[in-house]
PDB file of N, CA and C in Angstrom:
ATOM      1  N   UNK A   1       0.798  -1.248   0.060  1.00  0.00           N
ATOM      2  CA  UNK A   1       0.032   0.005   0.168  1.00  0.00           C
ATOM      3  C   UNK A   1       0.852   1.121  -0.210  1.00  0.00           C
ATOM      4  N   UNK A   2       0.470   2.169  -1.115  1.00  0.00           N
ATOM      5  CA  UNK A   2       1.328   3.184  -1.222  1.00  0.00           C
ATOM      6  C   UNK A   2       0.597   4.407  -0.481  1.00  0.00           C
ATOM      7  N   UNK A   3       1.106   5.423  -0.132  1.00  0.00           N
ATOM      8  CA  UNK A   3       0.375   6.876  -0.002  1.00  0.00           C
ATOM      9  C   UNK A   3       1.008   7.768  -0.262  1.00  0.00           C
ATOM     10  N   UNK A   4       0.398   9.185  -0.482  1.00  0.00           N
ATOM     11  CA  UNK A   4       0.637  10.233  -0.358  1.00  0.00           C
ATOM     12  C   UNK A   4      -0.059  11.300  -0.182  1.00  0.00           C
ATOM     13  N   UNK A   5       0.555  12.438   0.039  1.00  0.00           N
ATOM     14  CA  UNK A   5      -0.249  13.916   0.502  1.00  0.00           C
ATOM     15  C   UNK A   5       0.088  15.367  -0.382  1.00  0.00           C
ATOM     16  N   UNK A   6      -0.590  15.783  -1.280  1.00  0.00           N
ATOM     17  CA  UNK A   6      -0.894  17.022  -1.776  1.00  0.00           C
ATOM     18  C   UNK A   6      -1.289  17.907  -1.247  1.00  0.00           C
ATOM     19  N   UNK A   7      -0.525  19.571  -1.331  1.00  0.00           N
ATOM     20  CA  UNK A   7      -0.899  20.443  -0.094  1.00  0.00           C
ATOM     21  C   UNK A   7      -1.705  21.356  -1.242  1.00  0.00           C
ATOM     22  N   UNK A   8      -2.692  21.855  -0.634  1.00  0.00           N
ATOM     23  CA  UNK A   8      -3.431  22.715  -2.053  1.00  0.00           C
ATOM     24  C   UNK A   8      -3.679  24.104  -1.470  1.00  0.00           C
ATOM     25  N   UNK A   9      -3.279  25.175  -1.994  1.00  0.00           N
ATOM     26  CA  UNK A   9      -3.356  26.307  -1.345  1.00  0.00           C
ATOM     27  C   UNK A   9      -4.064  27.450  -2.523  1.00  0.00           C
ATOM     28  N   UNK A  10      -5.251  27.879  -1.697  1.00  0.00           N
ATOM     29  CA  UNK A  10      -6.109  28.673  -2.569  1.00  0.00           C
ATOM     30  C   UNK A  10      -6.250  30.192  -2.344  1.00  0.00           C
ATOM     31  N   UNK A  11      -5.645  30.910  -3.057  1.00  0.00           N
ATOM     32  CA  UNK A  11      -5.497  32.081  -2.915  1.00  0.00           C
ATOM     33  C   UNK A  11      -6.792  33.264  -3.788  1.00  0.00           C
ATOM     34  N   UNK A  12      -6.503  34.525  -3.230  1.00  0.00           N
ATOM     35  CA  UNK A  12      -7.173  35.412  -4.437  1.00  0.00           C
ATOM     36  C   UNK A  12      -6.305  36.227  -5.098  1.00  0.00           C
ATOM     37  N   UNK A  13      -7.239  36.566  -6.260  1.00  0.00           N
ATOM     38  CA  UNK A  13      -5.969  37.537  -6.832  1.00  0.00           C
ATOM     39  C   UNK A  13      -6.587  38.732  -6.958  1.00  0.00           C
ATOM     40  N   UNK A  14      -6.020  40.141  -7.761  1.00  0.00           N
ATOM     41  CA  UNK A  14      -6.231  41.136  -7.652  1.00  0.00           C
ATOM     42  C   UNK A  14      -7.814  41.463  -8.073  1.00  0.00           C
ATOM     43  N   UNK A  15      -7.961  40.971  -9.352  1.00  0.00           N
ATOM     44  CA  UNK A  15      -9.692  40.841 -10.063  1.00  0.00           C
ATOM     45  C   UNK A  15     -10.231  40.169  -9.107  1.00  0.00           C
ATOM     46  N   UNK A  16     -10.107  39.331  -7.943  1.00  0.00           N
ATOM     47  CA  UNK A  16     -11.017  38.893  -7.241  1.00  0.00           C
ATOM     48  C   UNK A  16     -11.397  37.333  -7.603  1.00  0.00           C
ATOM     49  N   UNK A  17     -10.235  36.623  -8.749  1.00  0.00           N
ATOM     50  CA  UNK A  17     -10.287  35.368  -8.762  1.00  0.00           C
ATOM     51  C   UNK A  17      -9.865  34.316  -7.722  1.00  0.00           C
ATOM     52  N   UNK A  18     -10.316  32.957  -8.239  1.00  0.00           N
ATOM     53  CA  UNK A  18      -9.418  32.326  -7.149  1.00  0.00           C
ATOM     54  C   UNK A  18      -8.272  31.483  -7.979  1.00  0.00           C
ATOM     55  N   UNK A  19      -6.917  31.588  -7.366  1.00  0.00           N
ATOM     56  CA  UNK A  19      -5.564  30.724  -7.934  1.00  0.00           C
ATOM     57  C   UNK A  19      -5.576  29.854  -7.227  1.00  0.00           C
ATOM     58  N   UNK A  20      -5.451  28.675  -7.638  1.00  0.00           N
ATOM     59  CA  UNK A  20      -5.080  27.419  -7.003  1.00  0.00           C
ATOM     60  C   UNK A  20      -3.595  26.748  -7.262  1.00  0.00           C
ATOM     61  N   UNK A  21      -2.755  26.229  -6.560  1.00  0.00           N
ATOM     62  CA  UNK A  21      -1.122  25.899  -6.372  1.00  0.00           C
ATOM     63  C   UNK A  21      -1.420  24.692  -5.755  1.00  0.00           C
ATOM     64  N   UNK A  22      -1.014  23.423  -6.351  1.00  0.00           N
ATOM     65  CA  UNK A  22      -0.976  22.333  -5.298  1.00  0.00           C
ATOM     66  C   UNK A  22       0.417  21.621  -5.869  1.00  0.00           C
ATOM     67  N   UNK A  23       0.854  21.439  -4.471  1.00  0.00           N
ATOM     68  CA  UNK A  23       2.286  20.865  -4.465  1.00  0.00           C
ATOM     69  C   UNK A  23       2.192  19.016  -3.704  1.00  0.00           C
ATOM     70  N   UNK A  24       2.495  18.512  -4.666  1.00  0.00           N
ATOM     71  CA  UNK A  24       3.135  16.868  -4.253  1.00  0.00           C
ATOM     72  C   UNK A  24       3.762  16.679  -3.681  1.00  0.00           C
ATOM     73  N   UNK A  25       3.915  15.522  -2.615  1.00  0.00           N
ATOM     74  CA  UNK A  25       5.061  15.261  -1.897  1.00  0.00           C
ATOM     75  C   UNK A  25       4.723  16.247  -0.573  1.00  0.00           C
ATOM     76  N   UNK A  26       3.589  16.724  -0.251  1.00  0.00           N
ATOM     77  CA  UNK A  26       3.637  17.507   0.816  1.00  0.00           C
ATOM     78  C   UNK A  26       3.690  17.112   2.298  1.00  0.00           C
ATOM     79  N   UNK A  27       4.194  17.550   3.387  1.00  0.00           N
ATOM     80  CA  UNK A  27       4.158  17.277   4.449  1.00  0.00           C
ATOM     81  C   UNK A  27       2.729  16.989   5.387  1.00  0.00           C
ATOM     82  N   UNK A  28       2.385  15.581   5.151  1.00  0.00           N
ATOM     83  CA  UNK A  28       0.773  15.407   5.926  1.00  0.00           C
ATOM     84  C   UNK A  28       1.341  16.031   7.354  1.00  0.00           C
ATOM     85  N   UNK A  29       2.491  16.307   8.047  1.00  0.00           N
ATOM     86  CA  UNK A  29       2.104  16.693   9.589  1.00  0.00           C
ATOM     87  C   UNK A  29       2.128  18.474   9.572  1.00  0.00           C
ATOM     88  N   UNK A  30       2.553  18.881   8.200  1.00  0.00           N
ATOM     89  CA  UNK A  30       2.413  20.310   8.510  1.00  0.00           C
ATOM     90  C   UNK A  30       1.328  21.024   9.281  1.00  0.00           C
ATOM     91  N   UNK A  31       1.431  21.987  10.351  1.00  0.00           N
ATOM     92  CA  UNK A  31       0.648  23.036  10.980  1.00  0.00           C
ATOM     93  C   UNK A  31       0.092  23.960  10.276  1.00  0.00           C
ATOM     94  N   UNK A  32      -0.993  24.526  11.119  1.00  0.00           N
ATOM     95  CA  UNK A  32      -1.450  25.769  10.332  1.00  0.00           C
ATOM     96  C   UNK A  32      -0.161  26.706   9.816  1.00  0.00           C
ATOM     97  N   UNK A  33      -0.056  27.069  10.955  1.00  0.00           N
ATOM     98  CA  UNK A  33       0.769  28.203  11.154  1.00  0.00           C
ATOM     99  C   UNK A  33       2.293  28.234   9.834  1.00  0.00           C
ATOM    100  N   UNK A  34       2.470  26.984   9.651  1.00  0.00           N
ATOM    101  CA  UNK A  34       3.559  26.800   8.745  1.00  0.00           C
ATOM    102  C   UNK A  34       3.140  27.204   7.495  1.00  0.00           C
ATOM    103  N   UNK A  35       1.698  26.007   7.154  1.00  0.00           N
ATOM    104  CA  UNK A  35       1.163  26.503   5.917  1.00  0.00           C
ATOM    105  C   UNK A  35       0.870  28.171   5.869  1.00  0.00           C
ATOM    106  N   UNK A  36       0.333  28.924   6.680  1.00  0.00           N
ATOM    107  CA  UNK A  36       0.118  30.348   6.794  1.00  0.00           C
ATOM    108  C   UNK A  36       1.671  31.072   6.596  1.00  0.00           C
ATOM    109  N   UNK A  37       2.329  30.718   7.130  1.00  0.00           N
ATOM    110  CA  UNK A  37       3.690  31.110   6.735  1.00  0.00           C
ATOM    111  C   UNK A  37       4.192  30.902   5.259  1.00  0.00           C
ATOM    112  N   UNK A  38       3.897  29.693   4.702  1.00  0.00           N
ATOM    113  CA  UNK A  38       4.357  29.428   3.604  1.00  0.00           C
ATOM    114  C   UNK A  38       3.379  30.516   2.603  1.00  0.00           C
ATOM    115  N   UNK A  39       2.303  30.521   2.785  1.00  0.00           N
ATOM    116  CA  UNK A  39       1.355  31.224   2.000  1.00  0.00           C
ATOM    117  C   UNK A  39       1.731  32.918   1.766  1.00  0.00           C
ATOM    118  N   UNK A  40       1.707  33.225   3.049  1.00  0.00           N
ATOM    119  CA  UNK A  40       2.098  34.609   3.194  1.00  0.00           C
ATOM    120  C   UNK A  40       3.650  34.995   2.629  1.00  0.00           C
ATOM    121  N   UNK A  41       4.627  34.377   2.233  1.00  0.00           N
ATOM    122  CA  UNK A  41       5.836  34.041   1.445  1.00  0.00           C
ATOM    123  C   UNK A  41       5.762  34.329   0.074  1.00  0.00           C
ATOM    124  N   UNK A  42       4.516  33.224  -0.269  1.00  0.00           N
ATOM    125  CA  UNK A  42       4.177  33.072  -1.750  1.00  0.00           C
ATOM    126  C   UNK A  42       3.576  34.735  -2.068  1.00  0.00           C
ATOM    127  N   UNK A  43       2.596  35.153  -1.239  1.00  0.00           N
ATOM    128  CA  UNK A  43       1.776  36.782  -1.460  1.00  0.00           C
ATOM    129  C   UNK A  43       3.209  37.741  -1.695  1.00  0.00           C
ATOM    130  N   UNK A  44       4.259  37.492  -0.858  1.00  0.00           N
ATOM    131  CA  UNK A  44       5.251  38.863  -0.776  1.00  0.00           C
ATOM    132  C   UNK A  44       5.997  38.604  -1.768  1.00  0.00           C
ATOM    133  N   UNK A  45       6.244  37.106  -2.245  1.00  0.00           N
ATOM    134  CA  UNK A  45       7.024  37.160  -3.404  1.00  0.00           C
ATOM    135  C   UNK A  45       6.179  37.137  -4.703  1.00  0.00           C
ATOM    136  N   UNK A  46       5.170  37.494  -4.561  1.00  0.00           N
ATOM    137  CA  UNK A  46       4.427  37.319  -5.752  1.00  0.00           C
ATOM    138  C   UNK A  46       4.717  37.404  -7.220  1.00  0.00           C
ATOM    139  N   UNK A  47       5.640  38.495  -7.208  1.00  0.00           N
ATOM    140  CA  UNK A  47       5.912  38.997  -8.446  1.00  0.00           C
ATOM    141  C   UNK A  47       6.700  37.237  -9.215  1.00  0.00           C
ATOM    142  N   UNK A  48       6.938  36.743  -8.803  1.00  0.00           N
ATOM    143  CA  UNK A  48       7.293  35.523  -9.622  1.00  0.00           C
ATOM    144  C   UNK A  48       6.533  34.297  -9.897  1.00  0.00           C
ATOM    145  N   UNK A  49       5.401  34.660 -10.017  1.00  0.00           N
ATOM    146  CA  UNK A  49       4.075  33.461 -10.314  1.00  0.00           C
ATOM    147  C   UNK A  49       3.995  34.546 -11.682  1.00  0.00           C
ATOM    148  N   UNK A  50       3.378  33.561 -12.518  1.00  0.00           N
ATOM    149  CA  UNK A  50       2.426  33.979 -13.799  1.00  0.00           C
ATOM    150  C   UNK A  50       1.041  34.853 -13.234  1.00  0.00           C
ATOM    151  N   UNK A  51       0.523  33.984 -12.245  1.00  0.00           N
ATOM    152  CA  UNK A  51      -0.822  34.513 -11.544  1.00  0.00           C
ATOM    153  C   UNK A  51      -0.511  34.993 -10.353  1.00  0.00           C
ATOM    154  N   UNK A  52      -0.450  36.455 -10.019  1.00  0.00           N
ATOM    155  CA  UNK A  52       0.154  36.776  -8.672  1.00  0.00           C
ATOM    156  C   UNK A  52      -1.091  36.733  -7.560  1.00  0.00           C
ATOM    157  N   UNK A  53      -0.687  35.813  -6.676  1.00  0.00           N
ATOM    158  CA  UNK A  53      -1.519  35.725  -5.423  1.00  0.00           C
ATOM    159  C   UNK A  53      -1.527  36.971  -4.655  1.00  0.00           C
ATOM    160  N   UNK A  54      -2.512  38.004  -4.156  1.00  0.00           N
ATOM    161  CA  UNK A  54      -2.914  38.799  -3.733  1.00  0.00           C
ATOM    162  C   UNK A  54      -3.541  38.787  -1.889  1.00  0.00           C
ATOM    163  N   UNK A  55      -4.066  37.280  -1.475  1.00  0.00           N
ATOM    164  CA  UNK A  55      -4.827  37.254  -0.608  1.00  0.00           C
ATOM    165  C   UNK A  55      -5.291  35.800  -0.113  1.00  0.00           C
ATOM    166  N   UNK A  56      -5.004  35.315   0.861  1.00  0.00           N
ATOM    167  CA  UNK A  56      -5.391  34.180   1.296  1.00  0.00           C
ATOM    168  C   UNK A  56      -6.741  33.429   1.474  1.00  0.00           C
ATOM    169  N   UNK A  57      -6.663  32.391   0.865  1.00  0.00           N
ATOM    170  CA  UNK A  57      -8.282  32.080   0.944  1.00  0.00           C
ATOM    171  C   UNK A  57      -8.649  31.043   1.519  1.00  0.00           C
ATOM    172  N   UNK A  58      -8.007  29.860   1.471  1.00  0.00           N
ATOM    173  CA  UNK A  58      -7.482  28.436   2.122  1.00  0.00           C
ATOM    174  C   UNK A  58      -6.872  27.648   1.477  1.00  0.00           C
ATOM    175  N   UNK A  59      -6.349  26.487   2.323  1.00  0.00           N
ATOM    176  CA  UNK A  59      -5.627  25.675   2.070  1.00  0.00           C
ATOM    177  C   UNK A  59      -6.027  24.362   2.670  1.00  0.00           C
ATOM    178  N   UNK A  60      -5.292  23.022   2.086  1.00  0.00           N
ATOM    179  CA  UNK A  60      -5.635  21.970   2.743  1.00  0.00           C
ATOM    180  C   UNK A  60      -5.105  20.655   1.830  1.00  0.00           C
ATOM    181  N   UNK A  61      -5.089  19.599   2.824  1.00  0.00           N
ATOM    182  CA  UNK A  61      -3.910  18.478   2.298  1.00  0.00           C
ATOM    183  C   UNK A  61      -4.779  16.953   1.979  1.00  0.00           C
ATOM    184  N   UNK A  62      -4.581  16.900   0.911  1.00  0.00           N
ATOM    185  CA  UNK A  62      -5.192  15.934   0.102  1.00  0.00           C
ATOM    186  C   UNK A  62      -4.422  14.358   0.234  1.00  0.00           C
ATOM    187  N   UNK A  63      -5.000  13.585   0.717  1.00  0.00           N
ATOM    188  CA  UNK A  63      -4.155  12.290   1.607  1.00  0.00           C
ATOM    189  C   UNK A  63      -4.806  11.417   0.624  1.00  0.00           C
ATOM    190  N   UNK A  64      -4.103  10.550  -0.566  1.00  0.00           N
ATOM    191  CA  UNK A  64      -4.454   9.601  -1.291  1.00  0.00           C
ATOM    192  C   UNK A  64      -3.693   8.332  -0.612  1.00  0.00           C
ATOM    193  N   UNK A  65      -4.361   7.186  -1.048  1.00  0.00           N
ATOM    194  CA  UNK A  65      -3.795   6.167  -0.498  1.00  0.00           C
ATOM    195  C   UNK A  65      -3.973   4.757  -1.519  1.00  0.00           C
ATOM    196  N   UNK A  66      -3.285   4.294  -2.164  1.00  0.00           N
ATOM    197  CA  UNK A  66      -3.324   3.322  -3.433  1.00  0.00           C
ATOM    198  C   UNK A  66      -3.241   1.711  -2.392  1.00  0.00           C
ATOM    199  N   UNK A  67      -3.887   1.021  -3.019  1.00  0.00           N
ATOM    200  CA  UNK A  67      -3.574  -0.517  -2.424  1.00  0.00           C
ATOM    201  C   UNK A  67      -4.249  -1.264  -4.026  1.00  0.00           C
ATOM    202  N   UNK A  68      -2.801  -2.318  -3.985  1.00  0.00           N
ATOM    203  CA  UNK A  68      -2.873  -3.123  -5.145  1.00  0.00           C
ATOM    204  C   UNK A  68      -3.658  -4.240  -4.598  1.00  0.00           C
ATOM    205  N   UNK A  69      -4.607  -4.862  -5.587  1.00  0.00           N
ATOM    206  CA  UNK A  69      -5.209  -6.201  -5.164  1.00  0.00           C
ATOM    207  C   UNK A  69      -4.208  -7.502  -5.827  1.00  0.00           C
ATOM    208  N   UNK A  70      -4.182  -8.249  -5.182  1.00  0.00           N
ATOM    209  CA  UNK A  70      -3.244  -9.798  -5.756  1.00  0.00           C
ATOM    210  C   UNK A  70      -4.551 -10.504  -6.650  1.00  0.00           C
ATOM    211  N   UNK A  71      -4.363 -10.779  -7.852  1.00  0.00           N
ATOM    212  CA  UNK A  71      -5.574 -11.147  -8.792  1.00  0.00           C
ATOM    213  C   UNK A  71      -4.769 -12.198  -9.314  1.00  0.00           C
ATOM    214  N   UNK A  72      -3.752 -13.096  -8.572  1.00  0.00           N
ATOM    215  CA  UNK A  72      -2.992 -13.925  -8.997  1.00  0.00           C
ATOM    216  C   UNK A  72      -4.300 -15.415  -8.611  1.00  0.00           C
ATOM    217  N   UNK A  73      -5.110 -15.493  -7.305  1.00  0.00           N
ATOM    218  CA  UNK A  73      -5.720 -16.136  -6.764  1.00  0.00           C
ATOM    219  C   UNK A  73      -6.754 -16.898  -7.371  1.00  0.00           C
TER     220      UNK A  73
END
């Protein structure tokens, strides 16, 4: 069985639209404070992005579990 965590950040832009950035191999044990700090850093350095984030909307961890079935029986 394998599992993985993706961290998904949702930001607002200057036009009021939502921007979504997701990162594979996220830390499943990340804290709300560390996520908020990362998102604030992304806003501070927003000029490096094609879609510039200006406000924090939300964040979530998406955990996926994969199970293989033995079909040789």
